[in-house]
PDB file of N, CA and C in Angstrom:
ATOM      1  N   PHE A   1       0.842  -1.248   0.026  1.00  0.00           N
ATOM      2  CA  PHE A   1      -0.109  -0.124  -0.033  1.00  0.00           C
ATOM      3  C   PHE A   1       0.889   1.038   0.024  1.00  0.00           C
ATOM      4  N   PHE A   2       0.306   2.224  -0.756  1.00  0.00           N
ATOM      5  CA  PHE A   2       1.268   3.663  -0.947  1.00  0.00           C
ATOM      6  C   PHE A   2       0.256   4.529  -0.197  1.00  0.00           C
ATOM      7  N   PHE A   3       0.521   5.263   0.322  1.00  0.00           N
ATOM      8  CA  PHE A   3      -0.419   6.692   0.805  1.00  0.00           C
ATOM      9  C   PHE A   3       0.452   7.602   0.730  1.00  0.00           C
ATOM     10  N   PHE A   4      -0.183   8.992   0.200  1.00  0.00           N
ATOM     11  CA  PHE A   4       0.709   9.904  -0.426  1.00  0.00           C
ATOM     12  C   PHE A   4      -0.114  11.310   0.421  1.00  0.00           C
ATOM     13  N   PHE A   5       0.649  11.918   1.166  1.00  0.00           N
ATOM     14  CA  PHE A   5      -0.197  12.961   2.299  1.00  0.00           C
ATOM     15  C   PHE A   5       0.287  14.196   1.632  1.00  0.00           C
ATOM     16  N   PHE A   6      -0.570  15.007   1.471  1.00  0.00           N
ATOM     17  CA  PHE A   6      -0.029  16.527   0.995  1.00  0.00           C
ATOM     18  C   PHE A   6      -0.432  17.222   2.168  1.00  0.00           C
ATOM     19  N   PHE A   7       0.201  17.966   2.889  1.00  0.00           N
ATOM     20  CA  PHE A   7       0.043  18.734   4.008  1.00  0.00           C
ATOM     21  C   PHE A   7       0.122  20.298   4.031  1.00  0.00           C
ATOM     22  N   GLN A   8      -0.146  21.027   4.460  1.00  0.00           N
ATOM     23  CA  GLN A   8       0.268  22.209   5.098  1.00  0.00           C
ATOM     24  C   GLN A   8       0.595  23.005   6.562  1.00  0.00           C
ATOM     25  N   ALA A   9       1.405  23.084   6.690  1.00  0.00           N
ATOM     26  CA  ALA A   9       1.973  23.301   8.347  1.00  0.00           C
ATOM     27  C   ALA A   9       1.736  24.675   8.874  1.00  0.00           C
ATOM     28  N   GLU A  10       1.396  24.976   9.698  1.00  0.00           N
ATOM     29  CA  GLU A  10       0.861  26.016  10.398  1.00  0.00           C
ATOM     30  C   GLU A  10       1.384  26.287  11.601  1.00  0.00           C
ATOM     31  N   ASP A  11       1.946  27.071  12.323  1.00  0.00           N
ATOM     32  CA  ASP A  11       2.535  27.337  13.401  1.00  0.00           C
ATOM     33  C   ASP A  11       1.617  27.760  14.355  1.00  0.00           C
ATOM     34  N   GLY A  12       0.974  27.526  15.345  1.00  0.00           N
ATOM     35  CA  GLY A  12       0.057  27.843  16.343  1.00  0.00           C
ATOM     36  C   GLY A  12      -1.744  27.923  15.495  1.00  0.00           C
ATOM     37  N   ILE A  13      -2.672  28.311  16.455  1.00  0.00           N
ATOM     38  CA  ILE A  13      -3.757  28.288  15.941  1.00  0.00           C
ATOM     39  C   ILE A  13      -4.224  29.668  16.060  1.00  0.00           C
ATOM     40  N   ARG A  14      -4.625  30.220  14.791  1.00  0.00           N
ATOM     41  CA  ARG A  14      -5.047  31.275  14.917  1.00  0.00           C
ATOM     42  C   ARG A  14      -6.848  31.755  14.852  1.00  0.00           C
ATOM     43  N   ASP A  15      -7.168  32.939  15.263  1.00  0.00           N
ATOM     44  CA  ASP A  15      -8.407  32.677  15.602  1.00  0.00           C
ATOM     45  C   ASP A  15      -8.949  34.294  14.826  1.00  0.00           C
ATOM     46  N   VAL A  16     -10.074  34.615  14.822  1.00  0.00           N
ATOM     47  CA  VAL A  16     -10.747  35.715  14.155  1.00  0.00           C
ATOM     48  C   VAL A  16      -9.868  37.033  14.601  1.00  0.00           C
ATOM     49  N   GLU A  17      -9.508  38.026  13.476  1.00  0.00           N
ATOM     50  CA  GLU A  17      -8.948  38.940  14.119  1.00  0.00           C
ATOM     51  C   GLU A  17      -9.742  40.217  14.633  1.00  0.00           C
ATOM     52  N   ARG A  18     -10.860  40.546  13.733  1.00  0.00           N
ATOM     53  CA  ARG A  18     -11.691  41.525  14.215  1.00  0.00           C
ATOM     54  C   ARG A  18     -13.161  41.617  13.723  1.00  0.00           C
ATOM     55  N   SER A  19     -14.219  41.703  14.500  1.00  0.00           N
ATOM     56  CA  SER A  19     -15.313  41.822  13.895  1.00  0.00           C
ATOM     57  C   SER A  19     -15.597  42.897  13.155  1.00  0.00           C
ATOM     58  N   ARG A  20     -16.942  42.999  12.676  1.00  0.00           N
ATOM     59  CA  ARG A  20     -17.372  44.016  11.636  1.00  0.00           C
ATOM     60  C   ARG A  20     -18.325  44.721  12.715  1.00  0.00           C
ATOM     61  N   GLY A  21     -17.685  46.106  13.390  1.00  0.00           N
ATOM     62  CA  GLY A  21     -18.276  46.817  14.255  1.00  0.00           C
ATOM     63  C   GLY A  21     -18.729  46.243  15.701  1.00  0.00           C
ATOM     64  N   LEU A  22     -18.144  45.343  16.080  1.00  0.00           N
ATOM     65  CA  LEU A  22     -19.023  44.539  17.382  1.00  0.00           C
ATOM     66  C   LEU A  22     -17.833  44.706  18.329  1.00  0.00           C
ATOM     67  N   GLY A  23     -16.638  45.379  17.824  1.00  0.00           N
ATOM     68  CA  GLY A  23     -15.168  45.585  18.806  1.00  0.00           C
ATOM     69  C   GLY A  23     -14.485  44.073  18.700  1.00  0.00           C
ATOM     70  N   ASP A  24     -13.518  43.997  19.024  1.00  0.00           N
ATOM     71  CA  ASP A  24     -12.714  43.035  19.030  1.00  0.00           C
ATOM     72  C   ASP A  24     -13.016  41.604  19.498  1.00  0.00           C
ATOM     73  N   VAL A  25     -13.231  40.764  18.949  1.00  0.00           N
ATOM     74  CA  VAL A  25     -13.781  39.186  19.446  1.00  0.00           C
ATOM     75  C   VAL A  25     -12.322  38.912  20.041  1.00  0.00           C
ATOM     76  N   TYR A  26     -11.320  38.664  19.323  1.00  0.00           N
ATOM     77  CA  TYR A  26     -10.282  37.976  19.511  1.00  0.00           C
ATOM     78  C   TYR A  26      -9.230  38.492  18.692  1.00  0.00           C
ATOM     79  N   LYS A  27      -8.194  38.503  19.290  1.00  0.00           N
ATOM     80  CA  LYS A  27      -7.133  38.996  18.196  1.00  0.00           C
ATOM     81  C   LYS A  27      -6.235  37.686  18.285  1.00  0.00           C
ATOM     82  N   ARG A  28      -4.784  37.967  17.536  1.00  0.00           N
ATOM     83  CA  ARG A  28      -4.335  37.076  17.261  1.00  0.00           C
ATOM     84  C   ARG A  28      -3.969  35.781  18.518  1.00  0.00           C
ATOM     85  N   GLN A  29      -4.283  34.431  18.484  1.00  0.00           N
ATOM     86  CA  GLN A  29      -4.299  33.531  19.448  1.00  0.00           C
ATOM     87  C   GLN A  29      -2.933  32.889  19.307  1.00  0.00           C
ATOM     88  N   HIS A  30      -2.043  32.715  20.246  1.00  0.00           N
ATOM     89  CA  HIS A  30      -1.156  31.515  19.705  1.00  0.00           C
ATOM     90  C   HIS A  30      -0.624  30.584  20.883  1.00  0.00           C
ATOM     91  N   ILE A  31      -1.210  29.566  20.584  1.00  0.00           N
ATOM     92  CA  ILE A  31      -1.063  28.291  21.680  1.00  0.00           C
ATOM     93  C   ILE A  31       0.341  27.678  21.494  1.00  0.00           C
ATOM     94  N   GLU A  32       1.343  27.566  22.667  1.00  0.00           N
ATOM     95  CA  GLU A  32       2.140  26.985  22.627  1.00  0.00           C
ATOM     96  C   GLU A  32       2.421  25.752  22.381  1.00  0.00           C
ATOM     97  N   ASN A  33       3.368  25.201  21.548  1.00  0.00           N
ATOM     98  CA  ASN A  33       3.751  23.728  21.433  1.00  0.00           C
ATOM     99  C   ASN A  33       2.121  23.307  20.578  1.00  0.00           C
ATOM    100  N   ALA A  34       1.450  24.240  19.512  1.00  0.00           N
ATOM    101  CA  ALA A  34       0.622  23.716  18.791  1.00  0.00           C
ATOM    102  C   ALA A  34       0.857  23.891  17.469  1.00  0.00           C
ATOM    103  N   GLY A  35      -0.358  23.036  16.650  1.00  0.00           N
ATOM    104  CA  GLY A  35       0.288  23.141  15.041  1.00  0.00           C
ATOM    105  C   GLY A  35      -1.030  22.656  14.405  1.00  0.00           C
ATOM    106  N   THR A  36      -1.418  23.166  13.167  1.00  0.00           N
ATOM    107  CA  THR A  36      -2.356  23.089  12.395  1.00  0.00           C
ATOM    108  C   THR A  36      -1.411  22.596  11.236  1.00  0.00           C
ATOM    109  N   PHE A  37      -2.095  20.666  10.642  1.00  0.00           N
ATOM    110  CA  PHE A  37      -1.701  20.596   9.365  1.00  0.00           C
ATOM    111  C   PHE A  37      -2.909  20.258   8.763  1.00  0.00           C
ATOM    112  N   THR A  38      -3.063  20.599   7.123  1.00  0.00           N
ATOM    113  CA  THR A  38      -3.818  20.309   6.621  1.00  0.00           C
ATOM    114  C   THR A  38      -3.213  19.441   5.570  1.00  0.00           C
ATOM    115  N   ILE A  39      -4.635  18.403   5.386  1.00  0.00           N
ATOM    116  CA  ILE A  39      -4.217  17.061   4.293  1.00  0.00           C
ATOM    117  C   ILE A  39      -5.063  17.412   3.167  1.00  0.00           C
ATOM    118  N   TYR A  40      -4.744  17.319   2.401  1.00  0.00           N
ATOM    119  CA  TYR A  40      -5.548  17.486   0.919  1.00  0.00           C
ATOM    120  C   TYR A  40      -5.901  15.680   0.662  1.00  0.00           C
ATOM    121  N   LEU A  41      -7.017  15.885  -0.238  1.00  0.00           N
ATOM    122  CA  LEU A  41      -7.793  14.581  -1.045  1.00  0.00           C
ATOM    123  C   LEU A  41      -7.693  13.296   0.064  1.00  0.00           C
ATOM    124  N   GLU A  42      -8.110  14.089   1.784  1.00  0.00           N
ATOM    125  CA  GLU A  42      -8.297  12.744   2.447  1.00  0.00           C
ATOM    126  C   GLU A  42      -9.880  13.266   3.012  1.00  0.00           C
ATOM    127  N   ASP A  43     -10.437  12.277   4.016  1.00  0.00           N
ATOM    128  CA  ASP A  43     -11.768  12.765   4.405  1.00  0.00           C
ATOM    129  C   ASP A  43     -11.637  11.996   6.008  1.00  0.00           C
ATOM    130  N   HIS A  44     -12.791  11.867   6.321  1.00  0.00           N
ATOM    131  CA  HIS A  44     -13.057  11.276   7.798  1.00  0.00           C
ATOM    132  C   HIS A  44     -12.216  10.282   8.245  1.00  0.00           C
ATOM    133  N   THR A  45     -12.102   8.990   7.173  1.00  0.00           N
ATOM    134  CA  THR A  45     -11.308   7.819   7.386  1.00  0.00           C
ATOM    135  C   THR A  45     -10.016   8.136   8.057  1.00  0.00           C
ATOM    136  N   ALA A  46      -9.183   8.871   7.379  1.00  0.00           N
ATOM    137  CA  ALA A  46      -7.747   9.384   7.585  1.00  0.00           C
ATOM    138  C   ALA A  46      -7.719   9.857   8.578  1.00  0.00           C
ATOM    139  N   GLY A  47      -8.752  11.339   8.897  1.00  0.00           N
ATOM    140  CA  GLY A  47      -8.439  11.937  10.039  1.00  0.00           C
ATOM    141  C   GLY A  47      -8.609  11.189  11.221  1.00  0.00           C
ATOM    142  N   ASN A  48      -9.540  10.138  11.476  1.00  0.00           N
ATOM    143  CA  ASN A  48      -9.968   9.325  12.525  1.00  0.00           C
ATOM    144  C   ASN A  48      -8.734   8.903  13.207  1.00  0.00           C
ATOM    145  N   VAL A  49      -8.217   8.119  11.975  1.00  0.00           N
ATOM    146  CA  VAL A  49      -7.073   6.826  12.329  1.00  0.00           C
ATOM    147  C   VAL A  49      -5.718   8.086  12.910  1.00  0.00           C
ATOM    148  N   ILE A  50      -5.531   9.055  12.056  1.00  0.00           N
ATOM    149  CA  ILE A  50      -4.327   9.614  12.582  1.00  0.00           C
ATOM    150  C   ILE A  50      -4.706  10.213  13.613  1.00  0.00           C
ATOM    151  N   LYS A  51      -5.849  10.871  14.168  1.00  0.00           N
ATOM    152  CA  LYS A  51      -5.888  11.373  15.357  1.00  0.00           C
ATOM    153  C   LYS A  51      -5.724  10.575  16.770  1.00  0.00           C
ATOM    154  N   MET A  52      -6.440   9.358  16.507  1.00  0.00           N
ATOM    155  CA  MET A  52      -6.486   8.074  17.353  1.00  0.00           C
ATOM    156  C   MET A  52      -5.020   7.910  17.305  1.00  0.00           C
ATOM    157  N   ASN A  53      -3.978   7.783  16.560  1.00  0.00           N
ATOM    158  CA  ASN A  53      -2.605   7.297  16.648  1.00  0.00           C
ATOM    159  C   ASN A  53      -1.781   8.292  17.401  1.00  0.00           C
ATOM    160  N   LEU A  54      -2.328   9.456  17.186  1.00  0.00           N
ATOM    161  CA  LEU A  54      -1.823  10.492  17.942  1.00  0.00           C
ATOM    162  C   LEU A  54      -1.693  10.486  19.487  1.00  0.00           C
ATOM    163  N   LEU A  55      -3.158  10.380  19.551  1.00  0.00           N
ATOM    164  CA  LEU A  55      -3.636  10.152  20.894  1.00  0.00           C
ATOM    165  C   LEU A  55      -2.497   9.460  21.857  1.00  0.00           C
ATOM    166  N   ASN A  56      -1.878   8.274  21.047  1.00  0.00           N
ATOM    167  CA  ASN A  56      -0.764   6.698  21.887  1.00  0.00           C
ATOM    168  C   ASN A  56       0.398   7.585  22.142  1.00  0.00           C
ATOM    169  N   ASN A  57       0.902   8.928  21.644  1.00  0.00           N
ATOM    170  CA  ASN A  57       1.712   9.052  22.030  1.00  0.00           C
ATOM    171  C   ASN A  57       1.552  10.088  23.159  1.00  0.00           C
ATOM    172  N   PRO A  58       2.174   9.766  24.080  1.00  0.00           N
ATOM    173  CA  PRO A  58       2.374  10.267  25.285  1.00  0.00           C
ATOM    174  C   PRO A  58       2.590  11.862  25.908  1.00  0.00           C
ATOM    175  N   ASN A  59       3.501  12.206  24.857  1.00  0.00           N
ATOM    176  CA  ASN A  59       3.822  13.636  24.535  1.00  0.00           C
ATOM    177  C   ASN A  59       2.879  14.404  23.798  1.00  0.00           C
ATOM    178  N   VAL A  60       1.685  14.016  23.325  1.00  0.00           N
ATOM    179  CA  VAL A  60       0.545  14.837  22.877  1.00  0.00           C
ATOM    180  C   VAL A  60      -0.453  14.956  23.880  1.00  0.00           C
ATOM    181  N   LEU A  61      -0.802  15.950  23.812  1.00  0.00           N
ATOM    182  CA  LEU A  61      -1.833  16.709  25.006  1.00  0.00           C
ATOM    183  C   LEU A  61      -3.272  16.895  24.140  1.00  0.00           C
ATOM    184  N   PHE A  62      -3.288  17.039  22.970  1.00  0.00           N
ATOM    185  CA  PHE A  62      -4.194  17.326  22.050  1.00  0.00           C
ATOM    186  C   PHE A  62      -4.190  16.880  20.909  1.00  0.00           C
ATOM    187  N   ALA A  63      -5.286  16.080  20.050  1.00  0.00           N
ATOM    188  CA  ALA A  63      -5.416  15.749  18.798  1.00  0.00           C
ATOM    189  C   ALA A  63      -6.563  15.975  18.442  1.00  0.00           C
ATOM    190  N   GLY A  64      -6.919  16.587  17.328  1.00  0.00           N
ATOM    191  CA  GLY A  64      -8.060  16.403  16.946  1.00  0.00           C
ATOM    192  C   GLY A  64      -8.185  16.705  15.394  1.00  0.00           C
ATOM    193  N   TYR A  65      -9.359  16.327  14.579  1.00  0.00           N
ATOM    194  CA  TYR A  65      -9.339  16.780  13.149  1.00  0.00           C
ATOM    195  C   TYR A  65     -10.433  17.218  12.996  1.00  0.00           C
ATOM    196  N   ARG A  66     -10.654  18.306  11.978  1.00  0.00           N
ATOM    197  CA  ARG A  66     -12.331  18.357  11.129  1.00  0.00           C
ATOM    198  C   ARG A  66     -11.884  18.669   9.980  1.00  0.00           C
ATOM    199  N   MET A  67     -13.241  18.370   9.182  1.00  0.00           N
ATOM    200  CA  MET A  67     -13.482  18.419   7.795  1.00  0.00           C
ATOM    201  C   MET A  67     -13.816  20.080   7.726  1.00  0.00           C
ATOM    202  N   PRO A  68     -13.477  20.907   6.699  1.00  0.00           N
ATOM    203  CA  PRO A  68     -13.810  22.447   7.027  1.00  0.00           C
ATOM    204  C   PRO A  68     -15.426  22.336   6.199  1.00  0.00           C
ATOM    205  N   HIS A  69     -15.335  21.636   5.181  1.00  0.00           N
ATOM    206  CA  HIS A  69     -16.711  21.851   4.460  1.00  0.00           C
ATOM    207  C   HIS A  69     -16.935  20.392   3.786  1.00  0.00           C
ATOM    208  N   PRO A  70     -17.878  19.580   3.963  1.00  0.00           N
ATOM    209  CA  PRO A  70     -17.891  18.594   3.060  1.00  0.00           C
ATOM    210  C   PRO A  70     -17.669  18.262   1.590  1.00  0.00           C
ATOM    211  N   LEU A  71     -17.817  19.597   1.079  1.00  0.00           N
ATOM    212  CA  LEU A  71     -17.297  19.842  -0.389  1.00  0.00           C
ATOM    213  C   LEU A  71     -15.909  19.790  -0.676  1.00  0.00           C
ATOM    214  N   GLU A  72     -15.431  19.952   0.423  1.00  0.00           N
ATOM    215  CA  GLU A  72     -13.869  20.222   0.157  1.00  0.00           C
ATOM    216  C   GLU A  72     -13.307  18.727   0.641  1.00  0.00           C
ATOM    217  N   ASN A  73     -12.015  18.175   0.036  1.00  0.00           N
ATOM    218  CA  ASN A  73     -11.631  17.269   0.253  1.00  0.00           C
ATOM    219  C   ASN A  73     -10.333  17.443   0.650  1.00  0.00           C
ATOM    220  N   LYS A  74     -10.291  17.909   2.074  1.00  0.00           N
ATOM    221  CA  LYS A  74      -9.357  17.897   3.011  1.00  0.00           C
ATOM    222  C   LYS A  74     -10.040  18.107   4.178  1.00  0.00           C
ATOM    223  N   ILE A  75      -8.824  17.824   5.121  1.00  0.00           N
ATOM    224  CA  ILE A  75      -8.817  17.501   6.696  1.00  0.00           C
ATOM    225  C   ILE A  75      -7.974  18.734   7.386  1.00  0.00           C
ATOM    226  N   GLU A  76      -8.307  19.126   8.468  1.00  0.00           N
ATOM    227  CA  GLU A  76      -7.152  19.907   9.152  1.00  0.00           C
ATOM    228  C   GLU A  76      -7.305  19.176  10.705  1.00  0.00           C
ATOM    229  N   ILE A  77      -5.651  18.804  10.903  1.00  0.00           N
ATOM    230  CA  ILE A  77      -5.738  18.056  11.941  1.00  0.00           C
ATOM    231  C   ILE A  77      -4.691  18.923  12.836  1.00  0.00           C
ATOM    232  N   LYS A  78      -5.318  19.279  14.232  1.00  0.00           N
ATOM    233  CA  LYS A  78      -4.673  20.067  15.547  1.00  0.00           C
ATOM    234  C   LYS A  78      -4.054  19.273  16.076  1.00  0.00           C
ATOM    235  N   ILE A  79      -2.830  19.761  16.461  1.00  0.00           N
ATOM    236  CA  ILE A  79      -1.912  18.827  17.787  1.00  0.00           C
ATOM    237  C   ILE A  79      -1.349  19.770  18.403  1.00  0.00           C
ATOM    238  N   GLN A  80      -1.541  19.420  19.814  1.00  0.00           N
ATOM    239  CA  GLN A  80      -0.606  20.255  21.035  1.00  0.00           C
ATOM    240  C   GLN A  80      -0.086  19.067  21.475  1.00  0.00           C
ATOM    241  N   THR A  81       1.385  19.698  22.302  1.00  0.00           N
ATOM    242  CA  THR A  81       2.506  18.610  22.492  1.00  0.00           C
ATOM    243  C   THR A  81       2.579  19.349  24.081  1.00  0.00           C
ATOM    244  N   ASN A  82       3.199  18.524  24.661  1.00  0.00           N
ATOM    245  CA  ASN A  82       4.037  19.096  26.250  1.00  0.00           C
ATOM    246  C   ASN A  82       5.244  19.688  26.148  1.00  0.00           C
ATOM    247  N   GLY A  83       5.475  20.253  24.738  1.00  0.00           N
ATOM    248  CA  GLY A  83       6.818  20.780  24.497  1.00  0.00           C
ATOM    249  C   GLY A  83       7.947  20.227  24.712  1.00  0.00           C
ATOM    250  N   SER A  84       8.047  18.754  24.854  1.00  0.00           N
ATOM    251  CA  SER A  84       9.280  17.826  24.624  1.00  0.00           C
ATOM    252  C   SER A  84       9.395  17.405  23.371  1.00  0.00           C
ATOM    253  N   ILE A  85       8.598  17.444  22.442  1.00  0.00           N
ATOM    254  CA  ILE A  85       8.609  17.430  21.142  1.00  0.00           C
ATOM    255  C   ILE A  85       7.682  18.685  20.239  1.00  0.00           C
ATOM    256  N   ARG A  86       8.332  18.483  19.125  1.00  0.00           N
ATOM    257  CA  ARG A  86       7.231  20.018  18.396  1.00  0.00           C
ATOM    258  C   ARG A  86       6.338  18.967  17.641  1.00  0.00           C
ATOM    259  N   PRO A  87       4.906  19.741  17.339  1.00  0.00           N
ATOM    260  CA  PRO A  87       3.841  19.107  16.858  1.00  0.00           C
ATOM    261  C   PRO A  87       4.035  18.509  15.203  1.00  0.00           C
ATOM    262  N   ILE A  88       4.920  19.002  14.608  1.00  0.00           N
ATOM    263  CA  ILE A  88       5.330  18.334  13.372  1.00  0.00           C
ATOM    264  C   ILE A  88       6.193  16.882  13.129  1.00  0.00           C
ATOM    265  N   THR A  89       7.096  16.922  14.542  1.00  0.00           N
ATOM    266  CA  THR A  89       7.274  15.896  14.772  1.00  0.00           C
ATOM    267  C   THR A  89       6.581  14.603  15.262  1.00  0.00           C
ATOM    268  N   ALA A  90       5.609  14.818  15.850  1.00  0.00           N
ATOM    269  CA  ALA A  90       4.702  13.873  16.585  1.00  0.00           C
ATOM    270  C   ALA A  90       4.050  13.715  15.537  1.00  0.00           C
ATOM    271  N   PHE A  91       3.592  14.407  14.647  1.00  0.00           N
ATOM    272  CA  PHE A  91       2.594  14.147  13.394  1.00  0.00           C
ATOM    273  C   PHE A  91       3.611  13.193  12.541  1.00  0.00           C
ATOM    274  N   ALA A  92       4.706  13.271  12.207  1.00  0.00           N
ATOM    275  CA  ALA A  92       5.582  12.799  11.727  1.00  0.00           C
ATOM    276  C   ALA A  92       5.779  11.227  11.920  1.00  0.00           C
ATOM    277  N   GLU A  93       5.762  11.156  13.461  1.00  0.00           N
ATOM    278  CA  GLU A  93       5.915   9.796  13.908  1.00  0.00           C
ATOM    279  C   GLU A  93       4.518   9.470  13.857  1.00  0.00           C
ATOM    280  N   SER A  94       3.594   9.673  13.894  1.00  0.00           N
ATOM    281  CA  SER A  94       2.431   9.304  13.412  1.00  0.00           C
ATOM    282  C   SER A  94       2.115   8.548  12.370  1.00  0.00           C
ATOM    283  N   LEU A  95       2.690   9.485  11.204  1.00  0.00           N
ATOM    284  CA  LEU A  95       2.852   8.550   9.982  1.00  0.00           C
ATOM    285  C   LEU A  95       3.299   7.457   9.971  1.00  0.00           C
ATOM    286  N   ASP A  96       4.759   7.805  10.026  1.00  0.00           N
ATOM    287  CA  ASP A  96       5.544   6.385  10.385  1.00  0.00           C
ATOM    288  C   ASP A  96       4.722   5.472  10.750  1.00  0.00           C
ATOM    289  N   SER A  97       4.509   5.450  11.915  1.00  0.00           N
ATOM    290  CA  SER A  97       3.726   4.297  12.699  1.00  0.00           C
ATOM    291  C   SER A  97       2.521   3.970  12.143  1.00  0.00           C
ATOM    292  N   LEU A  98       1.738   4.474  11.307  1.00  0.00           N
ATOM    293  CA  LEU A  98       0.702   4.063  10.436  1.00  0.00           C
ATOM    294  C   LEU A  98       1.139   3.565   9.484  1.00  0.00           C
ATOM    295  N   THR A  99       2.025   3.663   8.774  1.00  0.00           N
ATOM    296  CA  THR A  99       2.709   2.986   7.862  1.00  0.00           C
ATOM    297  C   THR A  99       3.342   1.731   8.217  1.00  0.00           C
ATOM    298  N   GLN A 100       3.808   1.884   8.997  1.00  0.00           N
ATOM    299  CA  GLN A 100       4.510   0.204   9.800  1.00  0.00           C
ATOM    300  C   GLN A 100       3.179  -0.683   9.818  1.00  0.00           C
ATOM    301  N   HIS A 101       2.203  -0.186  10.274  1.00  0.00           N
ATOM    302  CA  HIS A 101       1.090  -0.990  10.728  1.00  0.00           C
ATOM    303  C   HIS A 101       0.419  -1.267   9.666  1.00  0.00           C
ATOM    304  N   LEU A 102      -0.022  -0.374   8.515  1.00  0.00           N
ATOM    305  CA  LEU A 102      -0.322  -0.997   7.168  1.00  0.00           C
ATOM    306  C   LEU A 102       0.491  -1.859   6.454  1.00  0.00           C
ATOM    307  N   ASP A 103       1.849  -1.715   6.771  1.00  0.00           N
ATOM    308  CA  ASP A 103       2.741  -2.579   5.723  1.00  0.00           C
ATOM    309  C   ASP A 103       2.484  -4.191   6.565  1.00  0.00           C
ATOM    310  N   ASN A 104       2.282  -4.160   8.257  1.00  0.00           N
ATOM    311  CA  ASN A 104       2.574  -5.294   8.610  1.00  0.00           C
ATOM    312  C   ASN A 104       0.810  -5.981   8.266  1.00  0.00           C
ATOM    313  N   ILE A 105      -0.141  -5.229   8.129  1.00  0.00           N
ATOM    314  CA  ILE A 105      -1.425  -5.736   7.913  1.00  0.00           C
ATOM    315  C   ILE A 105      -1.149  -6.589   6.513  1.00  0.00           C
ATOM    316  N   GLU A 106      -0.615  -5.689   5.327  1.00  0.00           N
ATOM    317  CA  GLU A 106      -0.244  -6.052   3.709  1.00  0.00           C
ATOM    318  C   GLU A 106       0.559  -7.456   4.224  1.00  0.00           C
ATOM    319  N   SER A 107       1.611  -7.445   4.947  1.00  0.00           N
ATOM    320  CA  SER A 107       2.554  -8.931   5.040  1.00  0.00           C
ATOM    321  C   SER A 107       1.517 -10.003   5.336  1.00  0.00           C
ATOM    322  N   GLU A 108       0.563  -9.754   6.619  1.00  0.00           N
ATOM    323  CA  GLU A 108       0.045 -10.960   6.919  1.00  0.00           C
ATOM    324  C   GLU A 108      -1.098 -11.611   6.136  1.00  0.00           C
ATOM    325  N   TYR A 109      -1.644 -10.435   5.545  1.00  0.00           N
ATOM    326  CA  TYR A 109      -2.524 -10.775   4.253  1.00  0.00           C
ATOM    327  C   TYR A 109      -2.066 -11.800   3.145  1.00  0.00           C
ATOM    328  N   GLU A 110      -1.022 -11.401   2.522  1.00  0.00           N
ATOM    329  CA  GLU A 110       0.133 -12.053   2.009  1.00  0.00           C
ATOM    330  C   GLU A 110       0.239 -13.278   2.397  1.00  0.00           C
ATOM    331  N   ARG A 111       0.695 -13.588   3.636  1.00  0.00           N
ATOM    332  CA  ARG A 111       1.012 -14.611   4.263  1.00  0.00           C
ATOM    333  C   ARG A 111       0.132 -15.530   4.207  1.00  0.00           C
ATOM    334  N   ALA A 112      -1.257 -15.046   4.792  1.00  0.00           N
ATOM    335  CA  ALA A 112      -2.442 -15.867   5.091  1.00  0.00           C
ATOM    336  C   ALA A 112      -2.920 -16.649   3.469  1.00  0.00           C
ATOM    337  N   VAL A 113      -2.854 -15.163   2.440  1.00  0.00           N
ATOM    338  CA  VAL A 113      -3.336 -16.316   1.029  1.00  0.00           C
ATOM    339  C   VAL A 113      -2.246 -17.197   0.536  1.00  0.00           C
ATOM    340  N   SER A 114      -1.209 -17.075   0.857  1.00  0.00           N
ATOM    341  CA  SER A 114      -0.003 -18.040   0.205  1.00  0.00           C
ATOM    342  C   SER A 114      -0.604 -19.294   1.167  1.00  0.00           C
ATOM    343  N   GLU A 115      -0.655 -19.126   2.415  1.00  0.00           N
ATOM    344  CA  GLU A 115      -1.036 -20.383   3.092  1.00  0.00           C
ATOM    345  C   GLU A 115      -2.562 -20.996   2.444  1.00  0.00           C
ATOM    346  N   PHE A 116      -3.672 -20.161   2.303  1.00  0.00           N
ATOM    347  CA  PHE A 116      -4.731 -20.860   1.752  1.00  0.00           C
ATOM    348  C   PHE A 116      -4.623 -21.272   0.560  1.00  0.00           C
ATOM    349  N   GLY A 117      -3.876 -20.521  -0.286  1.00  0.00           N
ATOM    350  CA  GLY A 117      -3.537 -20.947  -1.596  1.00  0.00           C
ATOM    351  C   GLY A 117      -4.672 -20.233  -2.949  1.00  0.00           C
ATOM    352  N   LYS A 118      -5.321 -19.379  -2.583  1.00  0.00           N
ATOM    353  CA  LYS A 118      -5.978 -18.840  -3.569  1.00  0.00           C
ATOM    354  C   LYS A 118      -6.338 -17.286  -2.871  1.00  0.00           C
ATOM    355  N   PRO A 119      -6.158 -16.106  -3.716  1.00  0.00           N
ATOM    356  CA  PRO A 119      -6.906 -15.257  -3.040  1.00  0.00           C
ATOM    357  C   PRO A 119      -8.316 -14.962  -2.721  1.00  0.00           C
ATOM    358  N   LEU A 120      -8.680 -13.812  -1.925  1.00  0.00           N
ATOM    359  CA  LEU A 120      -9.997 -14.329  -1.520  1.00  0.00           C
ATOM    360  C   LEU A 120     -11.112 -13.187  -2.500  1.00  0.00           C
ATOM    361  N   ALA A 121     -10.293 -12.561  -2.918  1.00  0.00           N
ATOM    362  CA  ALA A 121     -11.042 -11.591  -4.023  1.00  0.00           C
ATOM    363  C   ALA A 121     -11.713 -11.975  -5.366  1.00  0.00           C
TER     364      ALA A 121
END
């Protein structure tokens, strides 16, 4: 299996700058050790798996994802760490771990098919 992730990293989480005549709602907010990563051409399936894998990392305090709009094929993954690693490092480690899991599943499937003698499909 080959998975290609196209993502855009953003340092910190930004919020609304100014409202229209209602005063300042939020100024630029920066959360320490946090990052937002946008993955294009993916949906809830990849978002949920990546989020759950990130939460297995003891250095990750928060991991969540959202799909900004149902018609857009992208997800945004938000990560906050405890400061011992950077969010992009946790993200990369999570993707490496998922790749290893998928490789193990593929090799187990191939082994089982060769023992059985014919493919199931």
